[in-house]
PDB file of N, CA and C in Angstrom:
ATOM      1  N   UNK A   1     -16.158  -2.695  -5.512  1.00  0.00           N
ATOM      2  CA  UNK A   1     -14.818  -3.073  -4.995  1.00  0.00           C
ATOM      3  C   UNK A   1     -15.531  -3.205  -3.173  1.00  0.00           C
ATOM      4  N   UNK A   2     -15.251  -4.791  -2.508  1.00  0.00           N
ATOM      5  CA  UNK A   2     -15.736  -5.079  -1.380  1.00  0.00           C
ATOM      6  C   UNK A   2     -14.625  -4.406  -0.143  1.00  0.00           C
ATOM      7  N   UNK A   3     -15.757  -4.123   0.979  1.00  0.00           N
ATOM      8  CA  UNK A   3     -14.643  -4.040   2.070  1.00  0.00           C
ATOM      9  C   UNK A   3     -13.309  -4.558   2.254  1.00  0.00           C
ATOM     10  N   UNK A   4     -13.185  -5.674   1.874  1.00  0.00           N
ATOM     11  CA  UNK A   4     -12.026  -6.922   2.150  1.00  0.00           C
ATOM     12  C   UNK A   4     -10.952  -6.221   1.230  1.00  0.00           C
ATOM     13  N   UNK A   5     -11.158  -5.952  -0.192  1.00  0.00           N
ATOM     14  CA  UNK A   5     -11.039  -5.912  -0.968  1.00  0.00           C
ATOM     15  C   UNK A   5      -9.871  -4.799  -1.041  1.00  0.00           C
ATOM     16  N   UNK A   6     -10.921  -3.383  -0.143  1.00  0.00           N
ATOM     17  CA  UNK A   6     -10.478  -2.326  -0.927  1.00  0.00           C
ATOM     18  C   UNK A   6      -9.261  -2.289   1.063  1.00  0.00           C
ATOM     19  N   UNK A   7      -9.690  -2.885   2.023  1.00  0.00           N
ATOM     20  CA  UNK A   7      -8.726  -2.810   2.775  1.00  0.00           C
ATOM     21  C   UNK A   7      -7.175  -4.103   2.553  1.00  0.00           C
ATOM     22  N   UNK A   8      -7.586  -4.603   1.661  1.00  0.00           N
ATOM     23  CA  UNK A   8      -6.339  -5.192   1.485  1.00  0.00           C
ATOM     24  C   UNK A   8      -5.100  -4.366  -0.273  1.00  0.00           C
ATOM     25  N   UNK A   9      -6.314  -3.463  -0.132  1.00  0.00           N
ATOM     26  CA  UNK A   9      -5.708  -2.742  -1.383  1.00  0.00           C
ATOM     27  C   UNK A   9      -4.713  -1.587  -0.488  1.00  0.00           C
ATOM     28  N   UNK A  10      -5.499  -1.785   0.702  1.00  0.00           N
ATOM     29  CA  UNK A  10      -4.782   0.068   1.929  1.00  0.00           C
ATOM     30  C   UNK A  10      -3.447  -0.424   2.024  1.00  0.00           C
ATOM     31  N   UNK A  11      -3.496  -2.433   2.210  1.00  0.00           N
ATOM     32  CA  UNK A  11      -2.048  -3.278   2.860  1.00  0.00           C
ATOM     33  C   UNK A  11      -1.431  -3.428   1.939  1.00  0.00           C
ATOM     34  N   UNK A  12      -1.813  -3.645   0.745  1.00  0.00           N
ATOM     35  CA  UNK A  12      -0.547  -3.336  -0.155  1.00  0.00           C
ATOM     36  C   UNK A  12      -0.004  -2.210  -0.847  1.00  0.00           C
ATOM     37  N   UNK A  13      -0.256  -1.567  -0.008  1.00  0.00           N
ATOM     38  CA  UNK A  13       0.209   0.191  -0.836  1.00  0.00           C
ATOM     39  C   UNK A  13       1.071   0.479   0.681  1.00  0.00           C
ATOM     40  N   UNK A  14       0.665   0.536   1.322  1.00  0.00           N
ATOM     41  CA  UNK A  14       1.689   0.090   2.463  1.00  0.00           C
ATOM     42  C   UNK A  14       2.639  -0.400   2.695  1.00  0.00           C
ATOM     43  N   UNK A  15       3.049  -1.688   2.111  1.00  0.00           N
ATOM     44  CA  UNK A  15       4.329  -2.437   1.206  1.00  0.00           C
ATOM     45  C   UNK A  15       4.509  -2.089   0.342  1.00  0.00           C
ATOM     46  N   UNK A  16       4.293  -1.397  -0.624  1.00  0.00           N
ATOM     47  CA  UNK A  16       5.103  -0.360  -1.498  1.00  0.00           C
ATOM     48  C   UNK A  16       6.021   0.337  -0.588  1.00  0.00           C
ATOM     49  N   UNK A  17       4.797   1.614   0.570  1.00  0.00           N
ATOM     50  CA  UNK A  17       5.853   2.429   0.608  1.00  0.00           C
ATOM     51  C   UNK A  17       6.917   2.206   0.888  1.00  0.00           C
ATOM     52  N   UNK A  18       6.903   0.851   2.056  1.00  0.00           N
ATOM     53  CA  UNK A  18       7.297   0.371   3.416  1.00  0.00           C
ATOM     54  C   UNK A  18       8.843  -0.428   2.973  1.00  0.00           C
ATOM     55  N   UNK A  19       8.221  -0.796   1.531  1.00  0.00           N
ATOM     56  CA  UNK A  19       9.553  -1.130   0.276  1.00  0.00           C
ATOM     57  C   UNK A  19      10.161   0.040  -0.681  1.00  0.00           C
ATOM     58  N   UNK A  20       9.842   1.430   0.165  1.00  0.00           N
ATOM     59  CA  UNK A  20      10.712   2.163  -0.914  1.00  0.00           C
ATOM     60  C   UNK A  20      10.137   2.356  -2.659  1.00  0.00           C
ATOM     61  N   UNK A  21       8.712   1.543  -2.953  1.00  0.00           N
ATOM     62  CA  UNK A  21       8.357   2.240  -3.854  1.00  0.00           C
ATOM     63  C   UNK A  21       7.824   3.410  -3.567  1.00  0.00           C
ATOM     64  N   UNK A  22       7.647   4.176  -5.009  1.00  0.00           N
ATOM     65  CA  UNK A  22       6.992   5.494  -5.080  1.00  0.00           C
ATOM     66  C   UNK A  22       5.440   5.564  -5.005  1.00  0.00           C
ATOM     67  N   UNK A  23       4.471   5.671  -4.335  1.00  0.00           N
ATOM     68  CA  UNK A  23       3.484   5.865  -4.455  1.00  0.00           C
ATOM     69  C   UNK A  23       3.202   6.902  -4.288  1.00  0.00           C
ATOM     70  N   UNK A  24       2.310   7.411  -5.590  1.00  0.00           N
ATOM     71  CA  UNK A  24       1.759   8.909  -5.244  1.00  0.00           C
ATOM     72  C   UNK A  24       0.300   9.094  -4.764  1.00  0.00           C
ATOM     73  N   UNK A  25       0.331  10.136  -4.325  1.00  0.00           N
ATOM     74  CA  UNK A  25      -1.026  11.138  -3.282  1.00  0.00           C
ATOM     75  C   UNK A  25      -2.069  10.837  -4.073  1.00  0.00           C
ATOM     76  N   UNK A  26      -2.037  10.838  -4.967  1.00  0.00           N
ATOM     77  CA  UNK A  26      -3.275  10.713  -6.121  1.00  0.00           C
ATOM     78  C   UNK A  26      -3.716   9.427  -5.618  1.00  0.00           C
ATOM     79  N   UNK A  27      -2.562   8.309  -5.847  1.00  0.00           N
ATOM     80  CA  UNK A  27      -3.070   6.950  -5.379  1.00  0.00           C
ATOM     81  C   UNK A  27      -3.762   6.914  -4.059  1.00  0.00           C
ATOM     82  N   UNK A  28      -2.762   7.210  -2.859  1.00  0.00           N
ATOM     83  CA  UNK A  28      -3.016   7.111  -1.717  1.00  0.00           C
ATOM     84  C   UNK A  28      -4.788   7.858  -1.463  1.00  0.00           C
ATOM     85  N   UNK A  29      -4.925   8.798  -1.972  1.00  0.00           N
ATOM     86  CA  UNK A  29      -6.719   9.235  -1.851  1.00  0.00           C
ATOM     87  C   UNK A  29      -7.579   8.221  -2.683  1.00  0.00           C
ATOM     88  N   UNK A  30      -6.974   8.452  -3.965  1.00  0.00           N
ATOM     89  CA  UNK A  30      -7.828   6.931  -4.078  1.00  0.00           C
ATOM     90  C   UNK A  30      -8.271   5.496  -3.376  1.00  0.00           C
ATOM     91  N   UNK A  31      -7.245   5.197  -3.078  1.00  0.00           N
ATOM     92  CA  UNK A  31      -6.935   3.990  -1.927  1.00  0.00           C
ATOM     93  C   UNK A  31      -8.382   4.661  -1.225  1.00  0.00           C
ATOM     94  N   UNK A  32      -8.521   5.946  -0.235  1.00  0.00           N
ATOM     95  CA  UNK A  32      -9.149   5.717   0.484  1.00  0.00           C
ATOM     96  C   UNK A  32     -10.368   6.060  -0.073  1.00  0.00           C
ATOM     97  N   UNK A  33     -10.883   6.962  -0.644  1.00  0.00           N
ATOM     98  CA  UNK A  33     -11.805   6.880  -2.021  1.00  0.00           C
ATOM     99  C   UNK A  33     -12.487   5.834  -2.005  1.00  0.00           C
ATOM    100  N   UNK A  34     -11.996   4.359  -1.977  1.00  0.00           N
ATOM    101  CA  UNK A  34     -11.995   3.287  -2.606  1.00  0.00           C
ATOM    102  C   UNK A  34     -13.024   2.384  -1.409  1.00  0.00           C
ATOM    103  N   UNK A  35     -12.081   2.790  -0.447  1.00  0.00           N
ATOM    104  CA  UNK A  35     -12.298   2.274   1.087  1.00  0.00           C
ATOM    105  C   UNK A  35     -13.785   2.479   0.926  1.00  0.00           C
ATOM    106  N   UNK A  36     -14.152   3.433   1.075  1.00  0.00           N
ATOM    107  CA  UNK A  36     -15.033   5.029   1.985  1.00  0.00           C
ATOM    108  C   UNK A  36     -16.324   4.144   1.389  1.00  0.00           C
ATOM    109  N   UNK A  37     -16.321   4.188   0.148  1.00  0.00           N
ATOM    110  CA  UNK A  37     -17.389   3.536  -0.782  1.00  0.00           C
ATOM    111  C   UNK A  37     -17.603   2.665  -0.490  1.00  0.00           C
ATOM    112  N   UNK A  38     -16.393   1.535  -0.429  1.00  0.00           N
ATOM    113  CA  UNK A  38     -16.715   0.006  -0.016  1.00  0.00           C
ATOM    114  C   UNK A  38     -17.248  -0.249   1.381  1.00  0.00           C
ATOM    115  N   UNK A  39     -17.775   0.502   2.148  1.00  0.00           N
ATOM    116  CA  UNK A  39     -18.025   0.478   3.726  1.00  0.00           C
ATOM    117  C   UNK A  39     -17.149   0.995   4.492  1.00  0.00           C
ATOM    118  N   UNK A  40     -16.159   1.322   4.557  1.00  0.00           N
ATOM    119  CA  UNK A  40     -15.238   1.182   5.752  1.00  0.00           C
ATOM    120  C   UNK A  40     -15.357   2.911   6.204  1.00  0.00           C
ATOM    121  N   UNK A  41     -15.310   2.107   7.477  1.00  0.00           N
ATOM    122  CA  UNK A  41     -15.747   3.713   8.300  1.00  0.00           C
ATOM    123  C   UNK A  41     -15.139   4.546   9.315  1.00  0.00           C
ATOM    124  N   UNK A  42     -14.146   5.556   9.038  1.00  0.00           N
ATOM    125  CA  UNK A  42     -13.138   5.771  10.125  1.00  0.00           C
ATOM    126  C   UNK A  42     -12.668   6.637  10.092  1.00  0.00           C
ATOM    127  N   UNK A  43     -12.629   8.241  10.751  1.00  0.00           N
ATOM    128  CA  UNK A  43     -12.319   9.391  10.458  1.00  0.00           C
ATOM    129  C   UNK A  43     -11.326   9.888   9.806  1.00  0.00           C
ATOM    130  N   UNK A  44     -10.114   9.054   9.952  1.00  0.00           N
ATOM    131  CA  UNK A  44      -8.920   9.829   9.022  1.00  0.00           C
ATOM    132  C   UNK A  44      -9.612   9.381   7.601  1.00  0.00           C
ATOM    133  N   UNK A  45     -10.177   8.330   7.355  1.00  0.00           N
ATOM    134  CA  UNK A  45     -10.416   7.884   6.032  1.00  0.00           C
ATOM    135  C   UNK A  45     -11.049   8.839   5.438  1.00  0.00           C
ATOM    136  N   UNK A  46     -12.210   9.330   5.670  1.00  0.00           N
ATOM    137  CA  UNK A  46     -13.335  10.519   5.104  1.00  0.00           C
ATOM    138  C   UNK A  46     -12.153  11.415   5.151  1.00  0.00           C
ATOM    139  N   UNK A  47     -11.454  12.263   5.569  1.00  0.00           N
ATOM    140  CA  UNK A  47     -10.494  13.399   5.224  1.00  0.00           C
ATOM    141  C   UNK A  47      -9.210  12.962   4.914  1.00  0.00           C
ATOM    142  N   UNK A  48      -8.929  11.506   4.613  1.00  0.00           N
ATOM    143  CA  UNK A  48      -7.984  11.408   3.398  1.00  0.00           C
ATOM    144  C   UNK A  48      -8.771  11.085   1.936  1.00  0.00           C
ATOM    145  N   UNK A  49      -9.841  10.958   1.601  1.00  0.00           N
ATOM    146  CA  UNK A  49     -10.746  10.495   0.556  1.00  0.00           C
ATOM    147  C   UNK A  49     -11.283  11.771   0.306  1.00  0.00           C
ATOM    148  N   UNK A  50     -11.177  13.092   0.745  1.00  0.00           N
ATOM    149  CA  UNK A  50     -12.275  13.902   0.557  1.00  0.00           C
ATOM    150  C   UNK A  50     -10.150  14.984   0.273  1.00  0.00           C
ATOM    151  N   UNK A  51      -9.523  15.070   0.850  1.00  0.00           N
ATOM    152  CA  UNK A  51      -8.405  15.456  -0.019  1.00  0.00           C
ATOM    153  C   UNK A  51      -8.535  16.855  -0.955  1.00  0.00           C
ATOM    154  N   UNK A  52      -8.616  17.474  -1.199  1.00  0.00           N
ATOM    155  CA  UNK A  52      -8.254  18.701  -2.169  1.00  0.00           C
ATOM    156  C   UNK A  52      -6.584  18.529  -3.384  1.00  0.00           C
ATOM    157  N   UNK A  53      -6.910  19.013  -4.704  1.00  0.00           N
ATOM    158  CA  UNK A  53      -5.107  18.767  -5.362  1.00  0.00           C
ATOM    159  C   UNK A  53      -4.425  19.586  -4.538  1.00  0.00           C
ATOM    160  N   UNK A  54      -4.456  20.649  -3.771  1.00  0.00           N
ATOM    161  CA  UNK A  54      -3.845  21.653  -3.642  1.00  0.00           C
ATOM    162  C   UNK A  54      -3.818  21.295  -1.707  1.00  0.00           C
ATOM    163  N   UNK A  55      -4.282  19.497  -1.639  1.00  0.00           N
ATOM    164  CA  UNK A  55      -4.137  19.657  -0.483  1.00  0.00           C
ATOM    165  C   UNK A  55      -3.253  18.030  -0.010  1.00  0.00           C
ATOM    166  N   UNK A  56      -2.855  17.470  -1.722  1.00  0.00           N
ATOM    167  CA  UNK A  56      -2.098  15.961  -1.741  1.00  0.00           C
ATOM    168  C   UNK A  56      -1.155  15.914  -0.858  1.00  0.00           C
ATOM    169  N   UNK A  57      -0.110  17.103  -0.503  1.00  0.00           N
ATOM    170  CA  UNK A  57       0.760  16.909   0.857  1.00  0.00           C
ATOM    171  C   UNK A  57       0.449  16.358   1.762  1.00  0.00           C
ATOM    172  N   UNK A  58      -0.796  16.425   2.341  1.00  0.00           N
ATOM    173  CA  UNK A  58      -1.039  15.858   3.103  1.00  0.00           C
ATOM    174  C   UNK A  58      -1.054  14.712   3.526  1.00  0.00           C
ATOM    175  N   UNK A  59      -1.246  14.120   2.333  1.00  0.00           N
ATOM    176  CA  UNK A  59      -2.152  12.093   1.861  1.00  0.00           C
ATOM    177  C   UNK A  59      -1.316  11.575   3.198  1.00  0.00           C
ATOM    178  N   UNK A  60       0.344  11.585   2.370  1.00  0.00           N
ATOM    179  CA  UNK A  60       0.981  10.708   3.347  1.00  0.00           C
ATOM    180  C   UNK A  60       0.812  10.486   4.792  1.00  0.00           C
ATOM    181  N   UNK A  61       0.954  11.030   5.540  1.00  0.00           N
ATOM    182  CA  UNK A  61       0.114  11.485   6.936  1.00  0.00           C
ATOM    183  C   UNK A  61      -0.825  10.827   6.726  1.00  0.00           C
ATOM    184  N   UNK A  62      -1.910  11.769   6.637  1.00  0.00           N
ATOM    185  CA  UNK A  62      -3.310  10.471   6.995  1.00  0.00           C
ATOM    186  C   UNK A  62      -3.164   9.615   6.050  1.00  0.00           C
ATOM    187  N   UNK A  63      -2.667   8.695   5.102  1.00  0.00           N
ATOM    188  CA  UNK A  63      -2.506   7.273   5.090  1.00  0.00           C
ATOM    189  C   UNK A  63      -2.164   6.374   6.178  1.00  0.00           C
ATOM    190  N   UNK A  64      -1.275   6.645   6.360  1.00  0.00           N
ATOM    191  CA  UNK A  64      -0.530   6.215   7.842  1.00  0.00           C
ATOM    192  C   UNK A  64      -1.260   6.099   8.624  1.00  0.00           C
ATOM    193  N   UNK A  65      -1.567   7.489   9.205  1.00  0.00           N
ATOM    194  CA  UNK A  65      -2.545   7.232   9.938  1.00  0.00           C
ATOM    195  C   UNK A  65      -3.745   6.145  10.124  1.00  0.00           C
ATOM    196  N   UNK A  66      -4.409   6.356   8.659  1.00  0.00           N
ATOM    197  CA  UNK A  66      -5.635   5.398   8.781  1.00  0.00           C
ATOM    198  C   UNK A  66      -4.928   3.943   8.530  1.00  0.00           C
ATOM    199  N   UNK A  67      -3.989   3.404   8.774  1.00  0.00           N
ATOM    200  CA  UNK A  67      -3.175   2.408   8.374  1.00  0.00           C
ATOM    201  C   UNK A  67      -2.839   2.026   9.844  1.00  0.00           C
ATOM    202  N   UNK A  68      -2.286   2.725   9.918  1.00  0.00           N
ATOM    203  CA  UNK A  68      -1.982   2.599  12.006  1.00  0.00           C
ATOM    204  C   UNK A  68      -3.673   2.232  12.953  1.00  0.00           C
ATOM    205  N   UNK A  69      -4.832   3.502  12.530  1.00  0.00           N
ATOM    206  CA  UNK A  69      -6.210   2.901  12.779  1.00  0.00           C
ATOM    207  C   UNK A  69      -6.496   0.960  12.145  1.00  0.00           C
ATOM    208  N   UNK A  70      -6.183   0.925  11.243  1.00  0.00           N
ATOM    209  CA  UNK A  70      -6.543  -0.271  11.156  1.00  0.00           C
ATOM    210  C   UNK A  70      -5.673  -2.186  11.283  1.00  0.00           C
ATOM    211  N   UNK A  71      -4.632  -1.397  11.844  1.00  0.00           N
ATOM    212  CA  UNK A  71      -3.562  -2.061  12.535  1.00  0.00           C
ATOM    213  C   UNK A  71      -3.168  -3.071  11.012  1.00  0.00           C
ATOM    214  N   UNK A  72      -3.123  -1.909  10.081  1.00  0.00           N
ATOM    215  CA  UNK A  72      -1.961  -2.738   8.444  1.00  0.00           C
ATOM    216  C   UNK A  72      -0.531  -1.818   8.232  1.00  0.00           C
ATOM    217  N   UNK A  73      -0.482  -1.001   9.436  1.00  0.00           N
ATOM    218  CA  UNK A  73       0.943   0.221   9.401  1.00  0.00           C
ATOM    219  C   UNK A  73       2.338  -1.128   9.362  1.00  0.00           C
ATOM    220  N   UNK A  74       2.836  -1.355   8.229  1.00  0.00           N
ATOM    221  CA  UNK A  74       3.934  -2.708   7.921  1.00  0.00           C
ATOM    222  C   UNK A  74       4.916  -1.372   7.746  1.00  0.00           C
ATOM    223  N   UNK A  75       5.813  -1.919   8.566  1.00  0.00           N
ATOM    224  CA  UNK A  75       7.663  -1.549   8.423  1.00  0.00           C
ATOM    225  C   UNK A  75       8.352  -2.674   8.414  1.00  0.00           C
ATOM    226  N   UNK A  76       9.655  -2.351   7.171  1.00  0.00           N
ATOM    227  CA  UNK A  76      10.437  -3.671   6.124  1.00  0.00           C
ATOM    228  C   UNK A  76      11.021  -3.668   7.627  1.00  0.00           C
ATOM    229  N   UNK A  77      11.691  -4.585   7.894  1.00  0.00           N
ATOM    230  CA  UNK A  77      12.838  -4.792   8.576  1.00  0.00           C
ATOM    231  C   UNK A  77      13.677  -4.098   8.021  1.00  0.00           C
ATOM    232  N   UNK A  78      14.317  -3.699   9.524  1.00  0.00           N
ATOM    233  CA  UNK A  78      15.639  -2.833   9.694  1.00  0.00           C
ATOM    234  C   UNK A  78      17.086  -3.713   8.675  1.00  0.00           C
ATOM    235  N   UNK A  79      17.351  -4.190   8.845  1.00  0.00           N
ATOM    236  CA  UNK A  79      18.430  -5.114   7.982  1.00  0.00           C
ATOM    237  C   UNK A  79      18.188  -4.914   6.277  1.00  0.00           C
ATOM    238  N   UNK A  80      19.048  -4.848   6.240  1.00  0.00           N
ATOM    239  CA  UNK A  80      18.760  -4.461   4.570  1.00  0.00           C
ATOM    240  C   UNK A  80      19.005  -5.616   3.968  1.00  0.00           C
ATOM    241  N   UNK A  81      19.222  -6.652   4.187  1.00  0.00           N
ATOM    242  CA  UNK A  81      19.435  -7.932   3.758  1.00  0.00           C
ATOM    243  C   UNK A  81      17.897  -8.697   3.879  1.00  0.00           C
ATOM    244  N   UNK A  82      17.236  -8.431   5.230  1.00  0.00           N
ATOM    245  CA  UNK A  82      16.231  -9.130   6.115  1.00  0.00           C
ATOM    246  C   UNK A  82      15.045  -8.217   4.950  1.00  0.00           C
ATOM    247  N   UNK A  83      14.944  -6.960   4.533  1.00  0.00           N
ATOM    248  CA  UNK A  83      14.178  -6.589   3.782  1.00  0.00           C
ATOM    249  C   UNK A  83      13.868  -6.930   2.772  1.00  0.00           C
ATOM    250  N   UNK A  84      15.249  -7.154   1.798  1.00  0.00           N
ATOM    251  CA  UNK A  84      15.194  -7.476   0.606  1.00  0.00           C
ATOM    252  C   UNK A  84      14.285  -8.533   0.070  1.00  0.00           C
ATOM    253  N   UNK A  85      15.293  -9.798   1.471  1.00  0.00           N
ATOM    254  CA  UNK A  85      14.230 -11.214   1.890  1.00  0.00           C
ATOM    255  C   UNK A  85      12.282 -11.075   1.660  1.00  0.00           C
ATOM    256  N   UNK A  86      11.848 -10.258   2.718  1.00  0.00           N
ATOM    257  CA  UNK A  86      10.822 -10.028   2.663  1.00  0.00           C
ATOM    258  C   UNK A  86      10.434  -9.240   1.310  1.00  0.00           C
ATOM    259  N   UNK A  87      10.722  -8.573   1.026  1.00  0.00           N
ATOM    260  CA  UNK A  87       9.704  -8.136  -0.412  1.00  0.00           C
ATOM    261  C   UNK A  87       9.907  -9.053  -1.525  1.00  0.00           C
ATOM    262  N   UNK A  88      11.006  -9.404  -1.646  1.00  0.00           N
ATOM    263  CA  UNK A  88      11.081 -10.713  -2.649  1.00  0.00           C
ATOM    264  C   UNK A  88       9.862 -12.463  -2.218  1.00  0.00           C
ATOM    265  N   UNK A  89       9.788 -12.265  -0.628  1.00  0.00           N
ATOM    266  CA  UNK A  89       9.030 -13.320  -0.518  1.00  0.00           C
ATOM    267  C   UNK A  89       7.280 -12.590  -0.667  1.00  0.00           C
ATOM    268  N   UNK A  90       7.237 -11.365   0.017  1.00  0.00           N
ATOM    269  CA  UNK A  90       6.204 -10.324  -1.049  1.00  0.00           C
ATOM    270  C   UNK A  90       5.739 -10.999  -2.288  1.00  0.00           C
ATOM    271  N   UNK A  91       6.983 -10.238  -3.343  1.00  0.00           N
ATOM    272  CA  UNK A  91       6.855 -10.130  -4.445  1.00  0.00           C
ATOM    273  C   UNK A  91       6.313 -11.672  -5.271  1.00  0.00           C
ATOM    274  N   UNK A  92       6.610 -12.464  -4.317  1.00  0.00           N
ATOM    275  CA  UNK A  92       7.095 -14.084  -4.674  1.00  0.00           C
ATOM    276  C   UNK A  92       5.364 -14.826  -4.704  1.00  0.00           C
ATOM    277  N   UNK A  93       4.665 -14.387  -3.579  1.00  0.00           N
ATOM    278  CA  UNK A  93       3.285 -14.315  -3.333  1.00  0.00           C
ATOM    279  C   UNK A  93       2.395 -13.872  -4.268  1.00  0.00           C
ATOM    280  N   UNK A  94       2.225 -12.324  -4.334  1.00  0.00           N
ATOM    281  CA  UNK A  94       1.574 -12.131  -5.360  1.00  0.00           C
ATOM    282  C   UNK A  94       1.834 -12.988  -7.108  1.00  0.00           C
ATOM    283  N   UNK A  95       3.299 -13.399  -7.212  1.00  0.00           N
ATOM    284  CA  UNK A  95       2.714 -13.934  -8.252  1.00  0.00           C
ATOM    285  C   UNK A  95       2.180 -15.546  -8.374  1.00  0.00           C
ATOM    286  N   UNK A  96       1.936 -16.183  -6.959  1.00  0.00           N
ATOM    287  CA  UNK A  96       1.320 -17.486  -6.541  1.00  0.00           C
ATOM    288  C   UNK A  96       0.084 -16.865  -6.620  1.00  0.00           C
ATOM    289  N   UNK A  97      -0.321 -15.940  -6.017  1.00  0.00           N
ATOM    290  CA  UNK A  97      -1.379 -16.067  -6.324  1.00  0.00           C
ATOM    291  C   UNK A  97      -1.836 -14.521  -7.212  1.00  0.00           C
ATOM    292  N   UNK A  98      -1.442 -15.278  -8.596  1.00  0.00           N
ATOM    293  CA  UNK A  98      -1.711 -14.945  -8.952  1.00  0.00           C
ATOM    294  C   UNK A  98      -2.272 -13.027  -9.500  1.00  0.00           C
ATOM    295  N   UNK A  99      -2.281 -12.319  -9.018  1.00  0.00           N
ATOM    296  CA  UNK A  99      -2.379 -10.495  -8.726  1.00  0.00           C
ATOM    297  C   UNK A  99      -0.951 -10.482  -9.286  1.00  0.00           C
ATOM    298  N   UNK A 100       0.083 -10.350 -10.097  1.00  0.00           N
ATOM    299  CA  UNK A 100       1.165 -10.483 -10.145  1.00  0.00           C
ATOM    300  C   UNK A 100       1.432 -10.784 -10.893  1.00  0.00           C
ATOM    301  N   UNK A 101       1.010 -10.169 -12.847  1.00  0.00           N
ATOM    302  CA  UNK A 101       1.979 -11.042 -13.819  1.00  0.00           C
ATOM    303  C   UNK A 101       3.692 -11.785 -13.537  1.00  0.00           C
ATOM    304  N   UNK A 102       3.873 -12.957 -13.628  1.00  0.00           N
ATOM    305  CA  UNK A 102       4.679 -13.751 -13.440  1.00  0.00           C
ATOM    306  C   UNK A 102       6.494 -13.011 -13.886  1.00  0.00           C
ATOM    307  N   UNK A 103       6.258 -12.575 -15.308  1.00  0.00           N
ATOM    308  CA  UNK A 103       7.470 -11.320 -15.716  1.00  0.00           C
ATOM    309  C   UNK A 103       7.717 -10.312 -15.350  1.00  0.00           C
ATOM    310  N   UNK A 104       6.654  -9.120 -14.756  1.00  0.00           N
ATOM    311  CA  UNK A 104       6.900  -8.132 -14.315  1.00  0.00           C
ATOM    312  C   UNK A 104       7.361  -8.838 -12.339  1.00  0.00           C
ATOM    313  N   UNK A 105       6.676  -9.109 -11.808  1.00  0.00           N
ATOM    314  CA  UNK A 105       6.896  -9.408 -10.506  1.00  0.00           C
ATOM    315  C   UNK A 105       8.423 -10.565 -10.469  1.00  0.00           C
ATOM    316  N   UNK A 106       8.783 -11.170 -11.940  1.00  0.00           N
ATOM    317  CA  UNK A 106       9.907 -11.719 -11.523  1.00  0.00           C
ATOM    318  C   UNK A 106      11.611 -10.545 -11.775  1.00  0.00           C
ATOM    319  N   UNK A 107      11.186  -9.694 -12.923  1.00  0.00           N
ATOM    320  CA  UNK A 107      11.508  -8.129 -13.477  1.00  0.00           C
ATOM    321  C   UNK A 107      11.693  -7.536 -11.748  1.00  0.00           C
ATOM    322  N   UNK A 108      11.017  -7.178 -11.043  1.00  0.00           N
ATOM    323  CA  UNK A 108      10.476  -6.582  -9.385  1.00  0.00           C
ATOM    324  C   UNK A 108      12.132  -6.906  -8.758  1.00  0.00           C
ATOM    325  N   UNK A 109      11.484  -8.625  -8.609  1.00  0.00           N
ATOM    326  CA  UNK A 109      12.663  -9.159  -7.836  1.00  0.00           C
ATOM    327  C   UNK A 109      14.186  -8.912  -8.617  1.00  0.00           C
ATOM    328  N   UNK A 110      14.730  -9.252  -9.158  1.00  0.00           N
ATOM    329  CA  UNK A 110      15.934  -8.459 -10.065  1.00  0.00           C
ATOM    330  C   UNK A 110      16.541  -7.670  -9.721  1.00  0.00           C
ATOM    331  N   UNK A 111      15.259  -6.575 -10.577  1.00  0.00           N
ATOM    332  CA  UNK A 111      16.040  -5.308 -10.475  1.00  0.00           C
ATOM    333  C   UNK A 111      15.834  -4.410  -9.061  1.00  0.00           C
ATOM    334  N   UNK A 112      14.411  -4.857  -8.135  1.00  0.00           N
ATOM    335  CA  UNK A 112      14.855  -3.863  -7.012  1.00  0.00           C
ATOM    336  C   UNK A 112      15.418  -5.315  -5.772  1.00  0.00           C
ATOM    337  N   UNK A 113      15.680  -6.406  -5.743  1.00  0.00           N
ATOM    338  CA  UNK A 113      15.939  -6.999  -4.954  1.00  0.00           C
ATOM    339  C   UNK A 113      17.702  -7.770  -5.586  1.00  0.00           C
ATOM    340  N   UNK A 114      17.681  -8.867  -5.572  1.00  0.00           N
ATOM    341  CA  UNK A 114      19.045  -8.920  -5.809  1.00  0.00           C
ATOM    342  C   UNK A 114      20.034  -8.432  -5.924  1.00  0.00           C
TER     343      UNK A 114
END
């Protein structure tokens, strides 16, 4: 994984969490580990990537700290309608760039947005 791909993964997970999708602590830690292996270096990232199983409850706060340090922290719009439109645009963008299967993306929009 390249540095850019690792940062994109962090950004993607940030949006998923902002839109209310559940992302497990194990996924947050793995994303941190991927970024660390890809050459991204900040202290909070090393702390996130090094969490042990019994320390998993600390992962969300550390993940947010990593996002803040990189300027990747994403907040969904406060208005529910605007938040749903933002999510629909995000999912549509993933379908358009080929990172999300069209059927799965359409289902996400239908189930979570419509």
